[in-house]
Amino acid sequence: MRGRGALVILLLALVVIYFVYFVKTEKKAPVEEQVSRFNQTRAELTSVNLEQVARAVQEWMADHEGRVPESLRELQGGGSYGLSLTDGWGRNIRYQKLSEAEFELRSAGEDGQFETEDDIIRTY
């Protein structure tokens, strides 16, 4: 019985030391760190997808007297095979025609809501 009591005290001491270590060093827990890295990877993938969509739009523009398409549906049937129109979170990329020669591509970012701070935006 005495050995069990000492073991319980030792385990409690280890838990306290572990907790104090993470509070003092302000490190994220391993799972939080992995989630953060995963979301950063999703943001990087989104940037790559936006660039690919922009290139496809620009190729379409070159074939249509420099005119910007009304929507991304107009890219279908061209050289856009395998083009991903989603961001790193699996949500649709928003396309907006700004003028006859300019357009914007937008991802809602991690929170999934447009017009917030984490949106990933490219204007061309």
C-alpha atoms as a PDB file:
ATOM      1  CA  MET A   1       0.000   0.000   0.000  1.00  0.00           C
ATOM      2  CA  ARG A   2       2.845   2.339   0.870  1.00  0.00           C
ATOM      3  CA  GLY A   3       4.446   1.738  -2.556  1.00  0.00           C
ATOM      4  CA  ARG A   4       1.217   2.651  -4.349  1.00  0.00           C
ATOM      5  CA  GLY A   5       0.960   5.932  -2.444  1.00  0.00           C
ATOM      6  CA  ALA A   6       4.514   6.849  -3.444  1.00  0.00           C
ATOM      7  CA  LEU A   7       3.759   5.945  -7.065  1.00  0.00           C
ATOM      8  CA  VAL A   8       0.653   8.152  -7.095  1.00  0.00           C
ATOM      9  CA  ILE A   9       2.603  11.075  -5.628  1.00  0.00           C
ATOM     10  CA  LEU A  10       5.367  10.574  -8.215  1.00  0.00           C
ATOM     11  CA  LEU A  11       2.839  10.537 -11.068  1.00  0.00           C
ATOM     12  CA  LEU A  12       1.150  13.688  -9.766  1.00  0.00           C
ATOM     13  CA  ALA A  13       4.536  15.393  -9.514  1.00  0.00           C
ATOM     14  CA  LEU A  14       5.304  14.457 -13.129  1.00  0.00           C
ATOM     15  CA  VAL A  15       1.958  15.851 -14.308  1.00  0.00           C
ATOM     16  CA  VAL A  16       2.605  19.129 -12.447  1.00  0.00           C
ATOM     17  CA  ILE A  17       6.135  19.405 -13.877  1.00  0.00           C
ATOM     18  CA  TYR A  18       4.817  18.716 -17.396  1.00  0.00           C
ATOM     19  CA  PHE A  19       2.098  21.359 -16.992  1.00  0.00           C
ATOM     20  CA  VAL A  20       4.506  23.969 -15.580  1.00  0.00           C
ATOM     21  CA  TYR A  21       6.965  23.306 -18.417  1.00  0.00           C
ATOM     22  CA  PHE A  22       4.389  24.045 -21.130  1.00  0.00           C
ATOM     23  CA  VAL A  23       3.032  27.089 -19.290  1.00  0.00           C
ATOM     24  CA  LYS A  24       6.498  28.558 -18.731  1.00  0.00           C
ATOM     25  CA  THR A  25       7.818  27.896 -22.242  1.00  0.00           C
ATOM     26  CA  GLU A  26       4.487  28.870 -23.812  1.00  0.00           C
ATOM     27  CA  LYS A  27       4.856  26.035 -26.259  1.00  0.00           C
ATOM     28  CA  LYS A  28       1.827  24.701 -27.997  1.00  0.00           C
ATOM     29  CA  ALA A  29       0.809  21.175 -27.266  1.00  0.00           C
ATOM     30  CA  PRO A  30       2.026  18.762 -29.944  1.00  0.00           C
ATOM     31  CA  VAL A  31      -1.486  18.344 -31.397  1.00  0.00           C
ATOM     32  CA  GLU A  32      -2.035  22.126 -31.609  1.00  0.00           C
ATOM     33  CA  GLU A  33       1.330  22.491 -33.318  1.00  0.00           C
ATOM     34  CA  GLN A  34       0.442  19.837 -35.889  1.00  0.00           C
ATOM     35  CA  VAL A  35      -2.951  21.441 -36.570  1.00  0.00           C
ATOM     36  CA  SER A  36      -1.231  24.801 -37.031  1.00  0.00           C
ATOM     37  CA  ARG A  37       1.255  23.301 -39.503  1.00  0.00           C
ATOM     38  CA  PHE A  38      -1.571  21.516 -41.334  1.00  0.00           C
ATOM     39  CA  ASN A  39      -3.514  24.776 -41.724  1.00  0.00           C
ATOM     40  CA  GLN A  40      -0.362  26.514 -42.958  1.00  0.00           C
ATOM     41  CA  THR A  41       0.039  23.769 -45.550  1.00  0.00           C
ATOM     42  CA  ARG A  42      -3.587  24.278 -46.585  1.00  0.00           C
ATOM     43  CA  ALA A  43      -2.928  28.013 -47.012  1.00  0.00           C
ATOM     44  CA  GLU A  44       0.135  27.259 -49.166  1.00  0.00           C
ATOM     45  CA  LEU A  45      -1.898  24.832 -51.286  1.00  0.00           C
ATOM     46  CA  THR A  46      -4.551  27.530 -51.675  1.00  0.00           C
ATOM     47  CA  SER A  47      -1.936  30.000 -52.949  1.00  0.00           C
ATOM     48  CA  VAL A  48      -0.763  27.448 -55.512  1.00  0.00           C
ATOM     49  CA  ASN A  49      -4.357  26.765 -56.621  1.00  0.00           C
ATOM     50  CA  LEU A  50      -5.043  30.506 -56.965  1.00  0.00           C
ATOM     51  CA  GLU A  51      -1.949  30.890 -59.152  1.00  0.00           C
ATOM     52  CA  GLN A  52      -3.013  27.956 -61.360  1.00  0.00           C
ATOM     53  CA  VAL A  53      -6.524  29.333 -61.753  1.00  0.00           C
ATOM     54  CA  ALA A  54      -5.071  32.771 -62.557  1.00  0.00           C
ATOM     55  CA  ARG A  55      -2.849  31.246 -65.264  1.00  0.00           C
ATOM     56  CA  ALA A  56      -5.845  29.453 -66.767  1.00  0.00           C
ATOM     57  CA  VAL A  57      -7.831  32.711 -66.783  1.00  0.00           C
ATOM     58  CA  GLN A  58      -4.915  34.563 -68.374  1.00  0.00           C
ATOM     59  CA  GLU A  59      -4.585  31.878 -71.058  1.00  0.00           C
ATOM     60  CA  TRP A  60      -8.309  32.207 -71.726  1.00  0.00           C
ATOM     61  CA  MET A  61      -7.885  35.982 -71.954  1.00  0.00           C
ATOM     62  CA  ALA A  62      -5.091  35.574 -74.499  1.00  0.00           C
ATOM     63  CA  ASP A  63      -7.468  33.586 -76.703  1.00  0.00           C
ATOM     64  CA  HIS A  64     -10.293  36.135 -76.282  1.00  0.00           C
ATOM     65  CA  GLU A  65      -8.692  39.503 -77.114  1.00  0.00           C
ATOM     66  CA  GLY A  66      -7.569  40.186 -73.524  1.00  0.00           C
ATOM     67  CA  ARG A  67     -11.113  40.099 -72.217  1.00  0.00           C
ATOM     68  CA  VAL A  68     -11.736  38.693 -68.718  1.00  0.00           C
ATOM     69  CA  PRO A  69     -14.278  35.842 -68.534  1.00  0.00           C
ATOM     70  CA  GLU A  70     -17.581  36.514 -66.798  1.00  0.00           C
ATOM     71  CA  SER A  71     -17.187  33.379 -64.676  1.00  0.00           C
ATOM     72  CA  LEU A  72     -14.845  30.426 -64.244  1.00  0.00           C
ATOM     73  CA  ARG A  73     -17.360  28.228 -66.111  1.00  0.00           C
ATOM     74  CA  GLU A  74     -16.085  29.778 -69.331  1.00  0.00           C
ATOM     75  CA  LEU A  75     -12.728  28.061 -68.737  1.00  0.00           C
ATOM     76  CA  GLN A  76     -14.294  24.631 -69.130  1.00  0.00           C
ATOM     77  CA  GLY A  77     -13.416  22.881 -72.337  1.00  0.00           C
ATOM     78  CA  GLY A  78     -10.158  24.788 -72.742  1.00  0.00           C
ATOM     79  CA  GLY A  79      -6.720  23.719 -71.573  1.00  0.00           C
ATOM     80  CA  SER A  80      -7.851  23.660 -67.955  1.00  0.00           C
ATOM     81  CA  TYR A  81      -7.893  19.897 -67.479  1.00  0.00           C
ATOM     82  CA  GLY A  82      -7.187  18.999 -63.863  1.00  0.00           C
ATOM     83  CA  LEU A  83      -7.658  22.593 -62.711  1.00  0.00           C
ATOM     84  CA  SER A  84      -8.746  22.727 -59.079  1.00  0.00           C
ATOM     85  CA  LEU A  85     -11.310  25.408 -58.360  1.00  0.00           C
ATOM     86  CA  THR A  86     -11.195  24.744 -54.614  1.00  0.00           C
ATOM     87  CA  ASP A  87      -8.936  26.002 -51.861  1.00  0.00           C
ATOM     88  CA  GLY A  88      -6.881  23.947 -49.424  1.00  0.00           C
ATOM     89  CA  TRP A  89      -9.933  23.472 -47.212  1.00  0.00           C
ATOM     90  CA  GLY A  90     -11.997  22.020 -50.063  1.00  0.00           C
ATOM     91  CA  ARG A  91     -14.166  25.107 -50.507  1.00  0.00           C
ATOM     92  CA  ASN A  92     -14.855  26.843 -53.808  1.00  0.00           C
ATOM     93  CA  ILE A  93     -12.600  29.679 -54.868  1.00  0.00           C
ATOM     94  CA  ARG A  94     -14.547  32.884 -55.467  1.00  0.00           C
ATOM     95  CA  TYR A  95     -13.929  34.576 -58.818  1.00  0.00           C
ATOM     96  CA  GLN A  96     -14.875  38.198 -59.403  1.00  0.00           C
ATOM     97  CA  LYS A  97     -14.513  40.157 -62.613  1.00  0.00           C
ATOM     98  CA  LEU A  98     -13.301  43.647 -61.636  1.00  0.00           C
ATOM     99  CA  SER A  99     -13.090  45.155 -65.126  1.00  0.00           C
ATOM    100  CA  GLU A 100     -12.607  44.042 -68.717  1.00  0.00           C
ATOM    101  CA  ALA A 101      -8.924  43.375 -67.935  1.00  0.00           C
ATOM    102  CA  GLU A 102      -8.832  42.657 -64.175  1.00  0.00           C
ATOM    103  CA  PHE A 103     -10.150  39.928 -61.912  1.00  0.00           C
ATOM    104  CA  GLU A 104      -9.884  38.746 -58.322  1.00  0.00           C
ATOM    105  CA  LEU A 105      -9.602  35.250 -56.870  1.00  0.00           C
ATOM    106  CA  ARG A 106     -10.474  34.740 -53.205  1.00  0.00           C
ATOM    107  CA  SER A 107     -10.396  31.884 -50.731  1.00  0.00           C
ATOM    108  CA  ALA A 108     -12.451  32.167 -47.551  1.00  0.00           C
ATOM    109  CA  GLY A 109      -9.426  30.917 -45.625  1.00  0.00           C
ATOM    110  CA  GLU A 110      -9.362  28.783 -42.513  1.00  0.00           C
ATOM    111  CA  ASP A 111     -12.599  30.110 -40.993  1.00  0.00           C
ATOM    112  CA  GLY A 112     -14.607  29.403 -44.175  1.00  0.00           C
ATOM    113  CA  GLN A 113     -16.200  32.854 -44.244  1.00  0.00           C
ATOM    114  CA  PHE A 114     -15.566  35.439 -46.938  1.00  0.00           C
ATOM    115  CA  GLU A 115     -14.677  39.043 -46.138  1.00  0.00           C
ATOM    116  CA  THR A 116     -12.707  38.206 -42.989  1.00  0.00           C
ATOM    117  CA  GLU A 117      -9.047  38.733 -42.069  1.00  0.00           C
ATOM    118  CA  ASP A 118      -7.909  35.247 -43.025  1.00  0.00           C
ATOM    119  CA  ASP A 119      -9.148  35.444 -46.648  1.00  0.00           C
ATOM    120  CA  ILE A 120      -6.467  34.687 -49.221  1.00  0.00           C
ATOM    121  CA  ILE A 121      -6.854  37.177 -52.083  1.00  0.00           C
ATOM    122  CA  ARG A 122      -5.087  37.571 -55.406  1.00  0.00           C
ATOM    123  CA  THR A 123      -5.907  40.402 -57.800  1.00  0.00           C
ATOM    124  CA  TYR A 124      -4.727  40.274 -61.425  1.00  0.00           C
END
